[in-house]
Amino acid sequence: MIWRKNGAPKCPRCGGKMMAFMEAENVDGAKRVRYVLRCKSCGYRNVLQDITLRKSPQGVSVSIMRHCF
């Protein structure tokens, strides 16, 4: 992925400006948070990081998965 001079990433498909945002959802009693880059022009998505938070009797379990782009 190519980054512009102003810090915004450039879409690998169409060359448009990509926007960063966060998605959150509940899955099987756990909270999943994703940090995503999405192209405003063509809709291409790239997940940067998945974070899963799960409650347990011992406390909170945090799982982080980083994705390469």
PDB file of N, CA and C in Angstrom:
ATOM      1  N   MET A   1       0.841  -1.164   0.000  1.00  0.00           N
ATOM      2  CA  MET A   1       0.000   0.000   0.000  1.00  0.00           C
ATOM      3  C   MET A   1       0.893   1.236   0.000  1.00  0.00           C
ATOM      4  N   ILE A   2       0.556   2.201  -0.787  1.00  0.00           N
ATOM      5  CA  ILE A   2       1.315   3.437  -0.923  1.00  0.00           C
ATOM      6  C   ILE A   2       0.653   4.521  -0.082  1.00  0.00           C
ATOM      7  N   TRP A   3       1.466   5.267   0.652  1.00  0.00           N
ATOM      8  CA  TRP A   3       0.950   6.361   1.476  1.00  0.00           C
ATOM      9  C   TRP A   3       1.230   7.680   0.783  1.00  0.00           C
ATOM     10  N   ARG A   4       0.274   8.575   0.845  1.00  0.00           N
ATOM     11  CA  ARG A   4       0.418   9.897   0.251  1.00  0.00           C
ATOM     12  C   ARG A   4       1.272  10.794   1.146  1.00  0.00           C
ATOM     13  N   LYS A   5       1.701  11.924   0.612  1.00  0.00           N
ATOM     14  CA  LYS A   5       2.509  12.869   1.379  1.00  0.00           C
ATOM     15  C   LYS A   5       1.751  13.427   2.578  1.00  0.00           C
ATOM     16  N   ASN A   6       0.427  13.557   2.459  1.00  0.00           N
ATOM     17  CA  ASN A   6      -0.378  14.110   3.554  1.00  0.00           C
ATOM     18  C   ASN A   6      -0.724  13.062   4.612  1.00  0.00           C
ATOM     19  N   GLY A   7      -0.204  11.841   4.476  1.00  0.00           N
ATOM     20  CA  GLY A   7      -0.437  10.796   5.468  1.00  0.00           C
ATOM     21  C   GLY A   7      -1.579   9.860   5.157  1.00  0.00           C
ATOM     22  N   ALA A   8      -2.393  10.154   4.143  1.00  0.00           N
ATOM     23  CA  ALA A   8      -3.520   9.293   3.789  1.00  0.00           C
ATOM     24  C   ALA A   8      -3.048   8.177   2.857  1.00  0.00           C
ATOM     25  N   PRO A   9      -3.477   6.940   3.106  1.00  0.00           N
ATOM     26  CA  PRO A   9      -3.078   5.848   2.215  1.00  0.00           C
ATOM     27  C   PRO A   9      -3.791   5.937   0.871  1.00  0.00           C
ATOM     28  N   LYS A  10      -3.137   5.400  -0.150  1.00  0.00           N
ATOM     29  CA  LYS A  10      -3.663   5.379  -1.512  1.00  0.00           C
ATOM     30  C   LYS A  10      -4.192   3.974  -1.804  1.00  0.00           C
ATOM     31  N   CYS A  11      -5.362   3.874  -2.383  1.00  0.00           N
ATOM     32  CA  CYS A  11      -5.993   2.586  -2.696  1.00  0.00           C
ATOM     33  C   CYS A  11      -5.162   1.828  -3.737  1.00  0.00           C
ATOM     34  N   PRO A  12      -4.881   0.527  -3.487  1.00  0.00           N
ATOM     35  CA  PRO A  12      -4.124  -0.249  -4.462  1.00  0.00           C
ATOM     36  C   PRO A  12      -4.914  -0.579  -5.734  1.00  0.00           C
ATOM     37  N   ARG A  13      -6.249  -0.508  -5.671  1.00  0.00           N
ATOM     38  CA  ARG A  13      -7.077  -0.807  -6.849  1.00  0.00           C
ATOM     39  C   ARG A  13      -7.259   0.393  -7.760  1.00  0.00           C
ATOM     40  N   CYS A  14      -7.744   1.499  -7.177  1.00  0.00           N
ATOM     41  CA  CYS A  14      -8.125   2.628  -8.036  1.00  0.00           C
ATOM     42  C   CYS A  14      -7.271   3.878  -7.814  1.00  0.00           C
ATOM     43  N   GLY A  15      -6.436   3.892  -6.773  1.00  0.00           N
ATOM     44  CA  GLY A  15      -5.602   5.054  -6.499  1.00  0.00           C
ATOM     45  C   GLY A  15      -6.299   6.146  -5.709  1.00  0.00           C
ATOM     46  N   GLY A  16      -7.532   5.897  -5.269  1.00  0.00           N
ATOM     47  CA  GLY A  16      -8.289   6.886  -4.506  1.00  0.00           C
ATOM     48  C   GLY A  16      -7.818   6.988  -3.067  1.00  0.00           C
ATOM     49  N   LYS A  17      -8.362   7.940  -2.349  1.00  0.00           N
ATOM     50  CA  LYS A  17      -8.012   8.163  -0.955  1.00  0.00           C
ATOM     51  C   LYS A  17      -8.729   7.157  -0.064  1.00  0.00           C
ATOM     52  N   MET A  18      -7.992   6.523   0.847  1.00  0.00           N
ATOM     53  CA  MET A  18      -8.585   5.561   1.769  1.00  0.00           C
ATOM     54  C   MET A  18      -8.806   6.226   3.115  1.00  0.00           C
ATOM     55  N   MET A  19      -9.896   5.862   3.762  1.00  0.00           N
ATOM     56  CA  MET A  19     -10.264   6.407   5.067  1.00  0.00           C
ATOM     57  C   MET A  19     -10.105   5.312   6.125  1.00  0.00           C
ATOM     58  N   ALA A  20      -9.637   5.690   7.295  1.00  0.00           N
ATOM     59  CA  ALA A  20      -9.498   4.751   8.403  1.00  0.00           C
ATOM     60  C   ALA A  20     -10.739   4.844   9.288  1.00  0.00           C
ATOM     61  N   PHE A  21     -11.223   3.683   9.747  1.00  0.00           N
ATOM     62  CA  PHE A  21     -12.343   3.663  10.673  1.00  0.00           C
ATOM     63  C   PHE A  21     -12.296   2.401  11.506  1.00  0.00           C
ATOM     64  N   MET A  22     -13.175   2.319  12.501  1.00  0.00           N
ATOM     65  CA  MET A  22     -13.215   1.200  13.416  1.00  0.00           C
ATOM     66  C   MET A  22     -14.587   0.541  13.357  1.00  0.00           C
ATOM     67  N   GLU A  23     -14.623  -0.793  13.389  1.00  0.00           N
ATOM     68  CA  GLU A  23     -15.864  -1.561  13.461  1.00  0.00           C
ATOM     69  C   GLU A  23     -15.868  -2.320  14.780  1.00  0.00           C
ATOM     70  N   ALA A  24     -17.011  -2.448  15.415  1.00  0.00           N
ATOM     71  CA  ALA A  24     -17.127  -3.227  16.644  1.00  0.00           C
ATOM     72  C   ALA A  24     -18.367  -4.098  16.559  1.00  0.00           C
ATOM     73  N   GLU A  25     -18.246  -5.339  17.046  1.00  0.00           N
ATOM     74  CA  GLU A  25     -19.383  -6.254  17.055  1.00  0.00           C
ATOM     75  C   GLU A  25     -19.226  -7.253  18.194  1.00  0.00           C
ATOM     76  N   ASN A  26     -20.336  -7.832  18.625  1.00  0.00           N
ATOM     77  CA  ASN A  26     -20.330  -8.892  19.631  1.00  0.00           C
ATOM     78  C   ASN A  26     -20.428 -10.228  18.915  1.00  0.00           C
ATOM     79  N   VAL A  27     -19.482 -11.126  19.217  1.00  0.00           N
ATOM     80  CA  VAL A  27     -19.447 -12.442  18.589  1.00  0.00           C
ATOM     81  C   VAL A  27     -19.236 -13.496  19.676  1.00  0.00           C
ATOM     82  N   ASP A  28     -20.179 -14.399  19.855  1.00  0.00           N
ATOM     83  CA  ASP A  28     -20.078 -15.497  20.821  1.00  0.00           C
ATOM     84  C   ASP A  28     -19.679 -15.019  22.214  1.00  0.00           C
ATOM     85  N   GLY A  29     -20.280 -13.956  22.693  1.00  0.00           N
ATOM     86  CA  GLY A  29     -19.997 -13.453  24.027  1.00  0.00           C
ATOM     87  C   GLY A  29     -18.709 -12.655  24.141  1.00  0.00           C
ATOM     88  N   ALA A  30     -18.053 -12.394  23.047  1.00  0.00           N
ATOM     89  CA  ALA A  30     -16.816 -11.610  23.044  1.00  0.00           C
ATOM     90  C   ALA A  30     -17.036 -10.349  22.216  1.00  0.00           C
ATOM     91  N   LYS A  31     -16.262  -9.344  22.489  1.00  0.00           N
ATOM     92  CA  LYS A  31     -16.323  -8.085  21.731  1.00  0.00           C
ATOM     93  C   LYS A  31     -15.174  -8.103  20.729  1.00  0.00           C
ATOM     94  N   ARG A  32     -15.473  -7.908  19.451  1.00  0.00           N
ATOM     95  CA  ARG A  32     -14.446  -7.865  18.411  1.00  0.00           C
ATOM     96  C   ARG A  32     -14.396  -6.456  17.836  1.00  0.00           C
ATOM     97  N   VAL A  33     -13.201  -5.903  17.806  1.00  0.00           N
ATOM     98  CA  VAL A  33     -12.967  -4.567  17.274  1.00  0.00           C
ATOM     99  C   VAL A  33     -11.995  -4.703  16.108  1.00  0.00           C
ATOM    100  N   ARG A  34     -12.313  -4.069  14.997  1.00  0.00           N
ATOM    101  CA  ARG A  34     -11.439  -4.096  13.818  1.00  0.00           C
ATOM    102  C   ARG A  34     -11.092  -2.678  13.411  1.00  0.00           C
ATOM    103  N   TYR A  35      -9.828  -2.479  13.100  1.00  0.00           N
ATOM    104  CA  TYR A  35      -9.381  -1.213  12.517  1.00  0.00           C
ATOM    105  C   TYR A  35      -9.199  -1.461  11.030  1.00  0.00           C
ATOM    106  N   VAL A  36      -9.891  -0.667  10.212  1.00  0.00           N
ATOM    107  CA  VAL A  36     -10.013  -0.931   8.785  1.00  0.00           C
ATOM    108  C   VAL A  36      -9.679   0.320   7.971  1.00  0.00           C
ATOM    109  N   LEU A  37      -9.054   0.114   6.809  1.00  0.00           N
ATOM    110  CA  LEU A  37      -8.905   1.164   5.806  1.00  0.00           C
ATOM    111  C   LEU A  37      -9.895   0.854   4.696  1.00  0.00           C
ATOM    112  N   ARG A  38     -10.641   1.860   4.237  1.00  0.00           N
ATOM    113  CA  ARG A  38     -11.632   1.650   3.175  1.00  0.00           C
ATOM    114  C   ARG A  38     -11.533   2.771   2.163  1.00  0.00           C
ATOM    115  N   CYS A  39     -11.566   2.397   0.885  1.00  0.00           N
ATOM    116  CA  CYS A  39     -11.507   3.368  -0.201  1.00  0.00           C
ATOM    117  C   CYS A  39     -12.883   3.997  -0.396  1.00  0.00           C
ATOM    118  N   LYS A  40     -12.911   5.313  -0.451  1.00  0.00           N
ATOM    119  CA  LYS A  40     -14.179   6.018  -0.659  1.00  0.00           C
ATOM    120  C   LYS A  40     -14.687   5.841  -2.083  1.00  0.00           C
ATOM    121  N   SER A  41     -13.790   5.634  -3.031  1.00  0.00           N
ATOM    122  CA  SER A  41     -14.196   5.551  -4.442  1.00  0.00           C
ATOM    123  C   SER A  41     -14.719   4.181  -4.839  1.00  0.00           C
ATOM    124  N   CYS A  42     -13.921   3.124  -4.578  1.00  0.00           N
ATOM    125  CA  CYS A  42     -14.302   1.796  -5.080  1.00  0.00           C
ATOM    126  C   CYS A  42     -14.777   0.832  -3.995  1.00  0.00           C
ATOM    127  N   GLY A  43     -14.618   1.195  -2.707  1.00  0.00           N
ATOM    128  CA  GLY A  43     -15.096   0.338  -1.632  1.00  0.00           C
ATOM    129  C   GLY A  43     -14.116  -0.733  -1.182  1.00  0.00           C
ATOM    130  N   TYR A  44     -12.899  -0.757  -1.709  1.00  0.00           N
ATOM    131  CA  TYR A  44     -11.880  -1.729  -1.296  1.00  0.00           C
ATOM    132  C   TYR A  44     -11.623  -1.586   0.200  1.00  0.00           C
ATOM    133  N   ARG A  45     -11.522  -2.724   0.916  1.00  0.00           N
ATOM    134  CA  ARG A  45     -11.290  -2.717   2.360  1.00  0.00           C
ATOM    135  C   ARG A  45     -10.015  -3.474   2.696  1.00  0.00           C
ATOM    136  N   ASN A  46      -9.303  -2.999   3.710  1.00  0.00           N
ATOM    137  CA  ASN A  46      -8.114  -3.662   4.203  1.00  0.00           C
ATOM    138  C   ASN A  46      -8.153  -3.609   5.726  1.00  0.00           C
ATOM    139  N   VAL A  47      -8.207  -4.782   6.379  1.00  0.00           N
ATOM    140  CA  VAL A  47      -8.245  -4.848   7.838  1.00  0.00           C
ATOM    141  C   VAL A  47      -6.810  -4.732   8.352  1.00  0.00           C
ATOM    142  N   LEU A  48      -6.566  -3.739   9.206  1.00  0.00           N
ATOM    143  CA  LEU A  48      -5.240  -3.528   9.760  1.00  0.00           C
ATOM    144  C   LEU A  48      -5.023  -4.351  11.025  1.00  0.00           C
ATOM    145  N   GLN A  49      -6.061  -4.439  11.867  1.00  0.00           N
ATOM    146  CA  GLN A  49      -5.896  -5.097  13.153  1.00  0.00           C
ATOM    147  C   GLN A  49      -7.243  -5.584  13.665  1.00  0.00           C
ATOM    148  N   ASP A  50      -7.247  -6.816  14.236  1.00  0.00           N
ATOM    149  CA  ASP A  50      -8.411  -7.387  14.914  1.00  0.00           C
ATOM    150  C   ASP A  50      -8.083  -7.490  16.396  1.00  0.00           C
ATOM    151  N   ILE A  51      -8.970  -6.997  17.239  1.00  0.00           N
ATOM    152  CA  ILE A  51      -8.798  -7.115  18.680  1.00  0.00           C
ATOM    153  C   ILE A  51     -10.041  -7.804  19.222  1.00  0.00           C
ATOM    154  N   THR A  52      -9.848  -8.889  19.980  1.00  0.00           N
ATOM    155  CA  THR A  52     -10.956  -9.611  20.582  1.00  0.00           C
ATOM    156  C   THR A  52     -10.831  -9.527  22.096  1.00  0.00           C
ATOM    157  N   LEU A  53     -11.896  -9.072  22.757  1.00  0.00           N
ATOM    158  CA  LEU A  53     -11.948  -8.968  24.209  1.00  0.00           C
ATOM    159  C   LEU A  53     -12.947  -9.996  24.718  1.00  0.00           C
ATOM    160  N   ARG A  54     -12.512 -10.830  25.664  1.00  0.00           N
ATOM    161  CA  ARG A  54     -13.363 -11.897  26.175  1.00  0.00           C
ATOM    162  C   ARG A  54     -13.295 -11.899  27.703  1.00  0.00           C
ATOM    163  N   LYS A  55     -14.463 -11.913  28.370  1.00  0.00           N
ATOM    164  CA  LYS A  55     -14.509 -11.977  29.828  1.00  0.00           C
ATOM    165  C   LYS A  55     -14.307 -13.415  30.285  1.00  0.00           C
ATOM    166  N   SER A  56     -13.578 -13.579  31.385  1.00  0.00           N
ATOM    167  CA  SER A  56     -13.397 -14.892  31.991  1.00  0.00           C
ATOM    168  C   SER A  56     -13.413 -14.711  33.508  1.00  0.00           C
ATOM    169  N   PRO A  57     -13.517 -15.795  34.276  1.00  0.00           N
ATOM    170  CA  PRO A  57     -13.516 -15.660  35.737  1.00  0.00           C
ATOM    171  C   PRO A  57     -12.228 -15.014  36.283  1.00  0.00           C
ATOM    172  N   GLN A  58     -11.129 -15.167  35.574  1.00  0.00           N
ATOM    173  CA  GLN A  58      -9.854 -14.603  36.013  1.00  0.00           C
ATOM    174  C   GLN A  58      -9.700 -13.128  35.641  1.00  0.00           C
ATOM    175  N   GLY A  59     -10.520 -12.631  34.728  1.00  0.00           N
ATOM    176  CA  GLY A  59     -10.430 -11.239  34.287  1.00  0.00           C
ATOM    177  C   GLY A  59     -10.830 -11.116  32.828  1.00  0.00           C
ATOM    178  N   VAL A  60     -10.108 -10.289  32.106  1.00  0.00           N
ATOM    179  CA  VAL A  60     -10.401 -10.056  30.690  1.00  0.00           C
ATOM    180  C   VAL A  60      -9.243 -10.579  29.857  1.00  0.00           C
ATOM    181  N   SER A  61      -9.577 -11.339  28.829  1.00  0.00           N
ATOM    182  CA  SER A  61      -8.580 -11.859  27.896  1.00  0.00           C
ATOM    183  C   SER A  61      -8.591 -10.987  26.641  1.00  0.00           C
ATOM    184  N   VAL A  62      -7.403 -10.552  26.222  1.00  0.00           N
ATOM    185  CA  VAL A  62      -7.280  -9.707  25.039  1.00  0.00           C
ATOM    186  C   VAL A  62      -6.441 -10.443  24.011  1.00  0.00           C
ATOM    187  N   SER A  63      -6.981 -10.570  22.806  1.00  0.00           N
ATOM    188  CA  SER A  63      -6.264 -11.193  21.697  1.00  0.00           C
ATOM    189  C   SER A  63      -6.137 -10.174  20.573  1.00  0.00           C
ATOM    190  N   ILE A  64      -4.912  -9.945  20.133  1.00  0.00           N
ATOM    191  CA  ILE A  64      -4.659  -8.963  19.064  1.00  0.00           C
ATOM    192  C   ILE A  64      -4.045  -9.683  17.878  1.00  0.00           C
ATOM    193  N   MET A  65      -4.660  -9.495  16.694  1.00  0.00           N
ATOM    194  CA  MET A  65      -4.117 -10.056  15.465  1.00  0.00           C
ATOM    195  C   MET A  65      -3.837  -8.910  14.508  1.00  0.00           C
ATOM    196  N   ARG A  66      -2.601  -8.764  14.115  1.00  0.00           N
ATOM    197  CA  ARG A  66      -2.228  -7.717  13.171  1.00  0.00           C
ATOM    198  C   ARG A  66      -2.201  -8.298  11.768  1.00  0.00           C
ATOM    199  N   HIS A  67      -2.643  -7.518  10.824  1.00  0.00           N
ATOM    200  CA  HIS A  67      -2.644  -7.940   9.429  1.00  0.00           C
ATOM    201  C   HIS A  67      -1.620  -7.096   8.661  1.00  0.00           C
ATOM    202  N   CYS A  68      -0.960  -7.731   7.745  1.00  0.00           N
ATOM    203  CA  CYS A  68      -0.006  -7.002   6.885  1.00  0.00           C
ATOM    204  C   CYS A  68      -0.744  -6.403   5.709  1.00  0.00           C
ATOM    205  N   PHE A  69      -0.274  -5.281   5.231  1.00  0.00           N
ATOM    206  CA  PHE A  69      -0.882  -4.688   4.045  1.00  0.00           C
ATOM    207  C   PHE A  69       0.147  -4.263   3.084  1.00  0.00           C
TER     208      PHE A  69
END
